[in-house]
Protein backbone atom coordinates (compact mmCIF):
# COMPACT_ATOMS: atom_id res chain seq x y z
CA MET A 1 122.61 274.46 98.03
CA THR A 2 121.63 274.47 101.72
CA SER A 3 117.89 274.83 102.21
CA ASN A 4 116.31 277.58 104.32
CA SER A 5 113.32 277.31 106.61
CA VAL A 6 110.21 279.34 105.75
CA LYS A 7 110.75 281.29 108.98
CA GLU A 8 114.26 282.30 107.86
CA LEU A 9 113.09 283.34 104.41
CA LEU A 10 110.34 285.53 105.84
CA SER A 11 112.47 287.12 108.58
CA LYS A 12 115.90 287.58 106.96
CA ASN A 13 116.79 290.01 104.21
CA LEU A 14 117.66 287.53 101.47
CA ILE A 15 116.06 289.48 98.61
CA VAL A 16 117.22 288.56 95.08
CA GLN A 17 119.09 285.52 96.31
CA GLU A 18 118.84 281.97 95.08
CA VAL A 19 117.11 279.91 97.75
CA VAL A 20 115.93 276.35 98.37
CA VAL A 21 113.04 275.49 100.68
CA ASN A 22 111.32 272.22 101.56
CA GLY A 23 107.76 271.96 102.86
CA TRP A 24 104.17 270.85 102.35
CA VAL A 25 101.64 272.43 100.04
CA LYS A 26 98.90 274.28 101.89
CA SER A 27 97.15 275.39 98.71
CA PHE A 28 97.77 275.69 94.97
CA ARG A 29 95.81 278.43 93.18
CA SER A 30 95.36 279.17 89.49
CA ASN A 31 98.06 276.67 88.52
CA ARG A 32 100.46 279.43 89.59
CA PHE A 33 100.59 280.20 93.34
CA ILE A 34 101.81 277.57 95.80
CA ALA A 35 101.44 278.32 99.53
CA LEU A 36 104.25 276.28 101.16
CA ASN A 37 104.71 275.63 104.87
CA ASP A 38 107.39 273.66 106.71
CA GLY A 39 106.16 273.97 110.31
CA SER A 40 108.79 276.53 111.33
CA THR A 41 106.22 279.34 111.46
CA LEU A 42 102.51 279.94 111.11
CA ALA A 43 102.97 281.88 107.85
CA ASN A 44 103.34 280.23 104.46
CA ILE A 45 105.74 281.33 101.77
CA GLN A 46 104.25 281.98 98.34
CA CYS A 47 106.00 280.23 95.47
CA VAL A 48 105.11 281.63 92.05
CA VAL A 49 105.21 279.08 89.22
CA ASP A 50 105.49 279.78 85.51
CA PHE A 51 103.43 276.74 84.53
CA GLU A 52 104.45 277.03 80.87
CA LYS A 53 108.07 276.38 81.85
CA LEU A 54 107.38 273.65 84.45
CA ASP A 55 107.23 269.98 83.51
CA GLU A 56 103.54 269.03 83.21
CA HIS A 57 104.17 265.73 85.05
CA VAL A 58 105.46 267.69 88.08
CA LEU A 59 102.62 270.20 87.86
CA LYS A 60 100.03 267.42 88.09
CA GLN A 61 101.52 266.21 91.38
CA ILE A 62 101.18 269.57 93.18
CA HIS A 63 98.17 269.21 95.47
CA THR A 64 97.42 270.18 99.09
CA GLY A 65 99.51 267.95 101.36
CA ALA A 66 102.25 267.13 98.85
CA ALA A 67 105.86 267.49 100.03
CA LEU A 68 108.02 269.64 97.72
CA LYS A 69 111.54 270.95 97.33
CA VAL A 70 111.34 274.38 95.69
CA SER A 71 114.35 276.20 94.19
CA GLY A 72 114.17 279.77 92.93
CA THR A 73 114.84 283.45 93.55
CA LEU A 74 113.50 285.25 96.64
CA VAL A 75 112.04 288.57 95.53
CA GLU A 76 109.79 291.29 96.92
CA SER A 77 106.19 290.22 96.49
CA GLN A 78 104.12 291.83 93.74
CA GLY A 79 100.83 290.95 95.47
CA SER A 80 99.33 291.77 98.84
CA GLY A 81 99.43 289.41 101.81
CA GLN A 82 103.15 288.68 101.89
CA SER A 83 106.37 290.70 101.82
CA VAL A 84 108.44 288.25 99.80
CA GLU A 85 107.85 285.35 97.45
CA ILE A 86 109.87 282.81 95.51
CA GLN A 87 110.01 282.95 91.72
CA VAL A 88 110.23 279.22 91.08
CA LYS A 89 112.94 277.78 88.86
CA ASP A 90 112.61 274.12 89.80
CA ILE A 91 110.35 271.84 91.85
CA PHE A 92 111.12 268.35 93.10
CA VAL A 93 108.17 266.35 94.46
CA HIS A 94 109.27 264.39 97.55
CA GLY A 95 105.84 262.80 97.91
CA GLY A 96 102.42 263.44 96.45
CA ALA A 97 99.03 263.59 98.23
CA ASN A 98 95.98 262.34 96.36
CA PRO A 99 93.36 265.11 96.59
CA ASP A 100 90.56 262.50 96.57
CA THR A 101 91.82 260.80 99.75
CA TYR A 102 93.96 263.35 101.63
CA PRO A 103 91.67 264.38 104.54
CA ILE A 104 93.23 267.73 105.53
CA GLN A 105 91.96 269.85 102.66
CA PRO A 106 92.06 273.69 102.94
CA LYS A 107 88.67 274.11 104.62
CA LYS A 108 87.32 274.25 108.17
CA HIS A 109 87.48 270.92 110.02
CA SER A 110 85.87 270.15 113.39
CA LEU A 111 88.17 269.30 116.30
CA GLU A 112 86.31 265.98 116.66
CA PHE A 113 87.12 265.08 113.05
CA LEU A 114 90.77 266.06 113.52
CA ARG A 115 91.09 263.86 116.65
CA GLU A 116 90.28 260.92 114.38
CA LYS A 117 93.18 262.04 112.16
CA ALA A 118 95.65 262.75 114.99
CA HIS A 119 98.58 261.70 112.77
CA LEU A 120 97.74 264.42 110.24
CA ARG A 121 96.08 267.15 112.32
CA ILE A 122 99.47 268.77 113.02
CA ARG A 123 99.33 269.89 109.34
CA THR A 124 96.60 272.39 110.29
CA ASN A 125 97.45 275.91 111.48
CA THR A 126 95.67 275.39 114.80
CA PHE A 127 97.55 272.26 115.82
CA ALA A 128 100.89 273.50 114.50
CA ALA A 129 100.45 276.64 116.65
CA ILE A 130 99.44 274.60 119.73
CA MET A 131 102.44 272.29 119.41
CA ARG A 132 104.92 275.14 118.90
CA VAL A 133 103.57 276.76 122.09
CA ARG A 134 103.80 273.39 123.87
CA SER A 135 107.44 273.05 122.77
CA ALA A 136 108.24 276.60 123.95
CA LEU A 137 106.62 275.93 127.35
CA SER A 138 108.72 272.74 127.71
CA PHE A 139 111.89 274.68 127.03
CA ALA A 140 110.87 277.50 129.41
CA ILE A 141 110.30 274.95 132.21
CA HIS A 142 113.75 273.40 131.82
CA GLN A 143 115.32 276.85 131.51
CA TYR A 144 113.59 278.14 134.67
CA PHE A 145 114.70 275.25 136.87
CA THR A 146 118.23 275.16 135.46
CA GLU A 147 118.68 278.90 136.06
CA ASN A 148 117.39 278.47 139.62
CA GLY A 149 119.83 275.75 140.62
CA PHE A 150 117.61 272.67 140.23
CA TYR A 151 118.82 269.30 138.99
CA TYR A 152 116.70 267.43 136.42
CA PHE A 153 115.87 264.03 137.86
CA HIS A 154 114.37 261.10 135.90
CA SER A 155 111.85 259.29 138.08
CA PRO A 156 110.91 255.70 137.19
CA ILE A 157 107.98 254.98 134.87
CA ILE A 158 107.40 251.52 136.40
CA THR A 159 106.82 251.63 140.15
CA GLY A 160 105.69 249.45 143.03
CA SER A 161 104.12 252.33 144.97
CA ASP A 162 100.91 254.34 144.56
CA ALA A 163 102.02 257.89 145.37
CA GLU A 164 98.51 259.32 145.43
CA GLY A 165 96.81 256.44 147.22
CA ALA A 166 94.07 256.61 144.60
CA GLY A 167 94.43 253.06 143.32
CA GLU A 168 93.67 254.06 139.71
CA MET A 169 96.82 252.59 138.18
CA PHE A 170 97.79 250.62 135.08
CA ARG A 171 99.29 247.28 136.06
CA VAL A 172 102.58 246.23 134.44
CA THR A 173 102.90 242.45 134.22
CA THR A 174 104.32 239.58 132.17
CA LEU A 175 101.94 237.05 133.75
CA GLU A 176 99.43 235.19 131.60
CA GLY A 177 96.22 237.24 131.74
CA LYS A 178 93.75 234.35 131.56
CA ASN A 179 95.56 231.93 133.81
CA PRO A 180 97.93 233.71 136.24
CA PRO A 181 99.67 231.79 139.07
CA LEU A 182 97.67 231.97 142.30
CA ASN A 183 98.46 231.87 146.02
CA GLU A 184 96.61 229.44 148.30
CA ASP A 185 94.08 232.15 149.18
CA GLY A 186 93.24 232.65 145.48
CA SER A 187 95.13 235.96 145.08
CA ILE A 188 97.60 236.42 142.20
CA ASN A 189 101.12 235.26 143.02
CA PHE A 190 103.21 238.24 141.88
CA LYS A 191 106.42 236.56 143.08
CA GLU A 192 106.37 234.81 139.70
CA ASP A 193 105.98 238.10 137.83
CA PHE A 194 108.90 239.86 136.07
CA PHE A 195 109.72 242.14 139.02
CA GLY A 196 108.70 239.63 141.71
CA LYS A 197 106.00 241.99 143.00
CA GLU A 198 102.97 243.91 141.76
CA THR A 199 104.05 246.91 139.65
CA ASN A 200 102.25 249.72 137.86
CA LEU A 201 102.81 252.69 135.59
CA THR A 202 103.62 255.71 137.74
CA VAL A 203 100.99 258.25 138.77
CA SER A 204 103.67 260.64 140.06
CA GLY A 205 107.43 260.92 140.41
CA GLN A 206 107.09 262.77 143.71
CA LEU A 207 108.08 260.09 146.24
CA GLU A 208 111.28 259.29 144.36
CA ALA A 209 111.96 263.02 143.86
CA GLU A 210 111.80 263.47 147.65
CA ALA A 211 114.65 260.97 148.01
CA TYR A 212 116.79 262.95 145.57
CA ALA A 213 115.89 266.33 147.07
CA MET A 214 117.14 265.02 150.41
CA ALA A 215 120.61 264.78 148.89
CA LEU A 216 120.78 267.23 145.98
CA GLY A 217 118.67 269.96 147.61
CA LYS A 218 116.60 271.06 144.60
CA VAL A 219 115.38 268.64 141.95
CA TYR A 220 112.55 268.42 139.45
CA THR A 221 110.97 265.74 137.28
CA PHE A 222 109.26 266.35 133.96
CA GLY A 223 107.90 263.16 132.48
CA PRO A 224 104.88 261.04 131.59
CA THR A 225 102.46 259.85 134.26
CA PHE A 226 99.43 257.58 134.01
CA ARG A 227 95.97 257.33 135.58
CA ALA A 228 93.60 254.45 134.90
CA GLU A 229 90.68 256.73 135.66
CA ASN A 230 87.65 255.94 133.52
CA SER A 231 86.91 259.61 133.04
CA ASN A 232 85.72 260.77 129.63
CA THR A 233 85.88 264.52 130.19
CA SER A 234 87.53 267.45 128.43
CA ARG A 235 90.02 267.78 131.34
CA HIS A 236 91.31 264.22 131.83
CA LEU A 237 93.85 262.02 130.06
CA ALA A 238 95.07 258.51 130.88
CA GLU A 239 98.64 259.50 129.89
CA PHE A 240 99.88 263.00 130.57
CA TRP A 241 103.05 264.88 131.51
CA MET A 242 103.83 266.17 134.99
CA VAL A 243 106.30 268.79 136.19
CA GLU A 244 107.28 268.08 139.81
CA PRO A 245 109.90 270.14 141.67
CA GLU A 246 110.93 269.05 145.18
CA VAL A 247 113.02 271.23 147.49
CA ALA A 248 114.74 270.34 150.77
CA PHE A 249 114.38 272.89 153.61
CA ASN A 250 111.39 274.61 151.91
CA ASP A 251 108.20 275.07 153.93
CA LEU A 252 104.72 275.72 152.50
CA ASP A 253 105.28 279.48 152.15
CA ASP A 254 108.49 278.86 150.20
CA ASN A 255 106.62 276.34 148.08
CA MET A 256 103.87 278.85 147.22
CA ASP A 257 106.50 281.48 146.36
CA LEU A 258 108.29 279.02 144.05
CA ALA A 259 105.12 277.89 142.27
CA GLU A 260 103.91 281.45 141.67
CA ASP A 261 107.28 282.66 140.37
CA PHE A 262 107.68 279.56 138.19
CA ILE A 263 104.28 279.91 136.50
CA LYS A 264 104.72 283.64 135.90
CA LYS A 265 108.14 283.15 134.32
CA VAL A 266 107.09 280.38 131.90
CA VAL A 267 104.00 282.35 130.85
CA GLN A 268 106.18 285.44 130.31
CA TYR A 269 108.47 283.31 128.13
CA ILE A 270 105.72 282.35 125.67
CA LEU A 271 104.37 285.91 125.63
CA GLN A 272 107.85 287.00 124.50
CA HIS A 273 108.56 284.16 122.07
CA CYS A 274 105.25 282.87 120.68
CA GLY A 275 103.49 286.10 119.70
CA GLU A 276 102.46 285.03 116.20
CA ASP A 277 100.99 281.70 117.35
CA LEU A 278 99.25 283.25 120.38
CA GLN A 279 97.64 285.94 118.21
CA PHE A 280 96.38 283.26 115.83
CA LEU A 281 95.00 281.14 118.71
CA GLU A 282 93.39 284.22 120.27
CA LYS A 283 91.58 285.03 116.99
CA ARG A 284 90.54 281.38 116.64
CA LEU A 285 89.06 281.44 120.16
CA LEU A 286 87.19 284.71 119.53
CA ASP A 287 85.71 283.30 116.29
CA GLU A 288 84.71 280.06 118.03
CA GLU A 289 83.02 281.88 120.91
CA LYS A 290 80.90 284.14 118.71
CA SER A 291 78.30 281.37 118.54
CA LYS A 292 78.23 280.90 122.35
CA PRO A 293 75.98 282.79 124.79
CA GLN A 294 77.77 285.75 126.42
CA ALA A 295 77.88 283.97 129.80
CA GLU A 296 79.88 281.08 128.32
CA ARG A 297 82.50 283.22 126.58
CA SER A 298 85.97 283.84 128.00
CA ALA A 299 86.10 286.81 130.36
CA MET A 300 89.22 288.11 128.55
CA PRO A 301 90.99 287.53 125.23
CA LEU A 302 93.76 284.89 125.38
CA ILE A 303 96.82 287.18 125.45
CA GLU A 304 95.22 289.47 128.03
CA LYS A 305 94.48 286.39 130.18
CA LEU A 306 98.13 285.28 129.98
CA LYS A 307 99.31 288.77 130.93
CA PHE A 308 96.76 288.74 133.77
CA VAL A 309 98.49 285.67 135.25
CA ALA A 310 102.03 286.90 134.54
CA GLU A 311 101.46 290.34 136.08
CA ASN A 312 99.01 289.77 138.99
CA THR A 313 99.94 288.73 142.52
CA PHE A 314 98.21 285.44 143.32
CA GLN A 315 95.66 285.73 146.15
CA ARG A 316 96.46 283.34 149.04
CA VAL A 317 93.39 282.04 150.87
CA THR A 318 92.93 279.24 153.42
CA TYR A 319 90.54 276.43 152.57
CA THR A 320 88.44 277.47 155.60
CA GLU A 321 88.08 281.05 154.27
CA ALA A 322 87.23 279.70 150.80
CA ILE A 323 84.47 277.45 152.18
CA GLU A 324 82.87 280.45 153.92
CA ILE A 325 83.02 282.50 150.70
CA LEU A 326 81.47 279.64 148.70
CA ARG A 327 78.83 278.82 151.30
CA ASN A 328 77.62 282.44 151.28
CA SER A 329 77.90 282.88 147.50
CA LYS A 330 74.86 283.53 145.30
CA PRO A 331 75.27 280.37 143.16
CA ASN A 332 75.40 278.26 146.32
CA LYS A 333 72.43 279.93 147.99
CA LYS A 334 70.39 279.75 144.77
CA LYS A 335 71.51 276.13 144.23
CA LYS A 336 73.18 276.97 140.88
CA PHE A 337 76.27 274.93 141.77
CA GLN A 338 76.04 271.29 140.74
CA TYR A 339 77.73 270.43 144.04
CA ILE A 340 76.27 272.50 146.88
CA ILE A 341 78.70 273.53 149.63
CA ASP A 342 77.04 272.71 152.98
CA GLU A 343 79.87 272.16 155.39
CA TRP A 344 83.60 272.34 156.05
CA GLY A 345 85.42 269.31 154.69
CA ALA A 346 83.84 269.27 151.21
CA ASP A 347 86.16 268.46 148.31
CA LEU A 348 86.08 271.49 146.02
CA GLN A 349 84.99 270.92 142.42
CA SER A 350 86.07 272.82 139.31
CA GLU A 351 82.94 275.02 139.46
CA HIS A 352 83.87 276.17 142.98
CA GLU A 353 87.50 276.81 142.04
CA ARG A 354 86.52 278.84 138.98
CA TYR A 355 84.00 280.88 141.01
CA LEU A 356 86.74 281.90 143.46
CA VAL A 357 89.12 282.94 140.65
CA GLU A 358 86.77 284.42 138.06
CA LYS A 359 83.95 285.90 140.13
CA HIS A 360 85.11 286.52 143.70
CA PHE A 361 88.82 287.40 143.71
CA LYS A 362 89.22 288.09 139.98
CA CYS A 363 92.85 286.93 140.04
CA PRO A 364 94.72 283.60 140.33
CA VAL A 365 94.19 282.04 143.76
CA ILE A 366 96.35 279.80 145.97
CA LEU A 367 94.24 277.80 148.42
CA PHE A 368 96.09 276.23 151.35
CA ASP A 369 95.60 274.31 154.62
CA TYR A 370 93.13 271.74 153.35
CA PRO A 371 91.29 269.10 155.47
CA ALA A 372 93.57 266.10 155.98
CA LYS A 373 90.75 263.72 155.02
CA ILE A 374 90.64 264.88 151.39
CA LYS A 375 94.40 265.01 150.82
CA ALA A 376 97.21 262.46 150.37
CA PHE A 377 98.98 260.70 153.27
CA TYR A 378 102.37 262.39 152.74
CA MET A 379 101.19 265.96 153.44
CA ARG A 380 102.34 267.55 156.72
CA LEU A 381 99.72 267.60 159.46
CA ASN A 382 99.08 271.03 161.00
CA GLU A 383 98.99 271.62 164.74
CA ASP A 384 95.16 271.63 164.68
CA GLY A 385 95.29 267.92 163.84
CA LYS A 386 92.64 268.24 161.12
CA THR A 387 94.29 270.23 158.30
CA VAL A 388 97.43 269.64 156.26
CA ARG A 389 100.03 271.96 154.71
CA ALA A 390 98.63 271.50 151.19
CA MET A 391 98.20 274.12 148.50
CA ASP A 392 96.44 274.27 145.12
CA ILE A 393 96.79 277.03 142.52
CA LEU A 394 93.56 277.92 140.73
CA PHE A 395 93.43 279.58 137.30
CA PRO A 396 90.66 281.30 135.31
CA GLY A 397 88.89 278.96 132.89
CA ILE A 398 90.64 275.86 134.26
CA GLY A 399 90.39 275.61 138.03
CA GLU A 400 93.23 273.68 139.65
CA ILE A 401 96.48 273.78 137.68
CA VAL A 402 99.00 273.05 140.48
CA GLY A 403 98.75 270.85 143.56
CA GLY A 404 101.48 270.72 146.19
CA SER A 405 102.35 270.51 149.85
CA GLN A 406 104.91 270.61 152.58
CA ARG A 407 105.71 266.92 153.13
CA GLU A 408 105.35 265.14 156.46
CA GLU A 409 108.95 264.93 157.71
CA ARG A 410 108.14 263.42 161.17
CA LEU A 411 108.54 259.64 161.16
CA GLU A 412 105.94 258.81 163.82
CA VAL A 413 103.27 261.11 162.38
CA LEU A 414 103.83 259.66 158.88
CA LYS A 415 103.55 256.11 160.25
CA GLU A 416 100.25 256.99 161.97
CA LYS A 417 98.85 258.48 158.77
CA MET A 418 99.87 255.42 156.73
CA ALA A 419 98.31 253.07 159.29
CA ALA A 420 95.04 255.05 159.20
CA LEU A 421 94.90 254.58 155.41
CA ASN A 422 96.02 250.90 155.51
CA ILE A 423 99.24 251.64 153.62
CA PRO A 424 101.69 248.85 154.60
CA GLU A 425 105.01 250.14 155.98
CA GLU A 426 106.93 247.40 154.14
CA GLU A 427 105.63 248.79 150.83
CA LEU A 428 107.25 252.19 151.50
CA TRP A 429 110.12 251.18 153.80
CA TRP A 430 112.56 253.28 151.77
CA TYR A 431 110.28 256.34 152.00
CA LEU A 432 110.19 255.95 155.80
CA ASP A 433 114.00 255.68 155.80
CA LEU A 434 114.13 259.29 154.54
CA ARG A 435 112.54 260.29 157.87
CA LYS A 436 115.00 258.17 159.87
CA PHE A 437 118.23 259.44 158.36
CA GLY A 438 118.66 263.22 158.19
CA SER A 439 115.01 264.15 157.90
CA ALA A 440 114.19 267.81 157.25
CA VAL A 441 111.34 270.06 156.24
CA HIS A 442 110.80 269.77 152.48
CA SER A 443 108.11 270.70 149.95
CA GLY A 444 107.12 270.35 146.34
CA PHE A 445 104.29 270.53 143.86
CA GLY A 446 102.96 268.94 140.69
CA LEU A 447 101.87 270.81 137.58
CA GLY A 448 99.84 268.91 134.98
CA PHE A 449 101.67 270.09 131.86
CA GLU A 450 98.68 269.65 129.54
CA ARG A 451 96.57 271.83 131.86
CA LEU A 452 99.18 274.57 131.41
CA VAL A 453 99.18 274.11 127.61
CA LEU A 454 95.36 274.20 127.66
CA PHE A 455 95.46 277.51 129.51
CA ALA A 456 98.22 278.95 127.30
CA THR A 457 96.49 278.10 124.01
CA GLY A 458 92.86 278.80 124.95
CA MET A 459 91.77 275.35 123.78
CA GLY A 460 88.72 273.80 125.42
CA ASN A 461 89.64 270.11 125.38
CA ILE A 462 92.80 268.57 126.84
CA ARG A 463 92.85 266.01 124.00
CA ASP A 464 93.80 268.82 121.64
CA VAL A 465 97.01 269.88 123.42
CA ILE A 466 98.87 266.54 123.46
CA PRO A 467 100.05 264.94 120.20
CA PHE A 468 98.35 261.55 120.57
CA PRO A 469 95.75 261.56 123.38
CA ARG A 470 95.23 258.43 125.48
CA THR A 471 91.69 258.24 126.86
CA PRO A 472 89.24 255.44 127.76
CA GLN A 473 88.66 253.21 124.69
CA ASN A 474 91.17 255.22 122.65
CA ALA A 475 94.79 254.35 121.89
CA GLU A 476 94.49 254.38 118.11
CA PHE A 477 97.79 255.99 117.17
């Protein structure tokens, strides 16, 4: 007989039918009631055992974590807490779980403990809910771009260019680490390396996406990116996923319109399709925050916060206006900010971004026209000569979630900017070619996918919204 998922059994009218379901034991009470879950839904299905009729050898193997195949009749539940249950006729044990050593017992576990058991933490309700929301967001992203005429483009993982100019990259090499070949000046001779040049894991697919946008019109990447940033915070990962659309003939205003519409649509998607998991995560967050001082609690419950983003128009503010607001703000004047805003040109920190969103404007904010000195070389220089056509989207509780810009399409201006930052032209000759042959205005942005999942689930640490987090001194799994 074909097996059903728990989700199907709970949602379809299959009463008084013979059914088969596979899953893992969440709990086993009174030698009679098995709570079984297969990951298809947050809810468990109750399987009622007549222990006098069940083989004692099988009964002894039913513990939390064991994988079972249960056959029986689906009937209306006699007890409270569930609408239907299975009257068990037969159980096959796929694999047992020793209760003395299985770490995910039915009790409260700290998130720190579960990070040490990243291969098993998905068995908990919290992580199953997070990962179902993550999956739904992934689908919504692909759906949005496909429906809006974008082509999905796979940018390379190994690259010879540093798109952000930050220098915090993981080197990819086949050279002997202790004794690499050297040039006469003592530098490493990368001509003898696998690719014949220095290569790294990508920090962004943007530069390559620009090349494809200049032929296909509208493209997007959605793939892993890497930063060798020794940052042990709740907001940083060494390996994370980036969503990067790039659109030919779009200026900064078009880019802001696209980013706002995109975010609203994917948030609306999970509100429509992940209700059960979002309600569970909202309750979890409320319970967790009960022990925090009022000032540190979320301003709104999770689902209300998601609706707030999906339904509110994002406030568009220039960097210059934002600096004035921050400079004159109470936390700045009373020196409550960790980083005091004194003058124009300061690089905004998360505390400043959150103040603008949560306290001042009380809605999502798009900041634009940033100082050129604090932004990447490829962003289009404004006529004032000191700002660039950059934009960041700021969210409540998170700060920056999207960074983007109109790209510098003028060959000579781009060359000047690269020279000022000591970026060799020969390193990006192909990127300059895009400005020589059919150059045009074009724009794009990058969304850190885990930041979006963090926002959507209400979790406080980015390590809890990716299956196997990669952070400094941690690549265990």
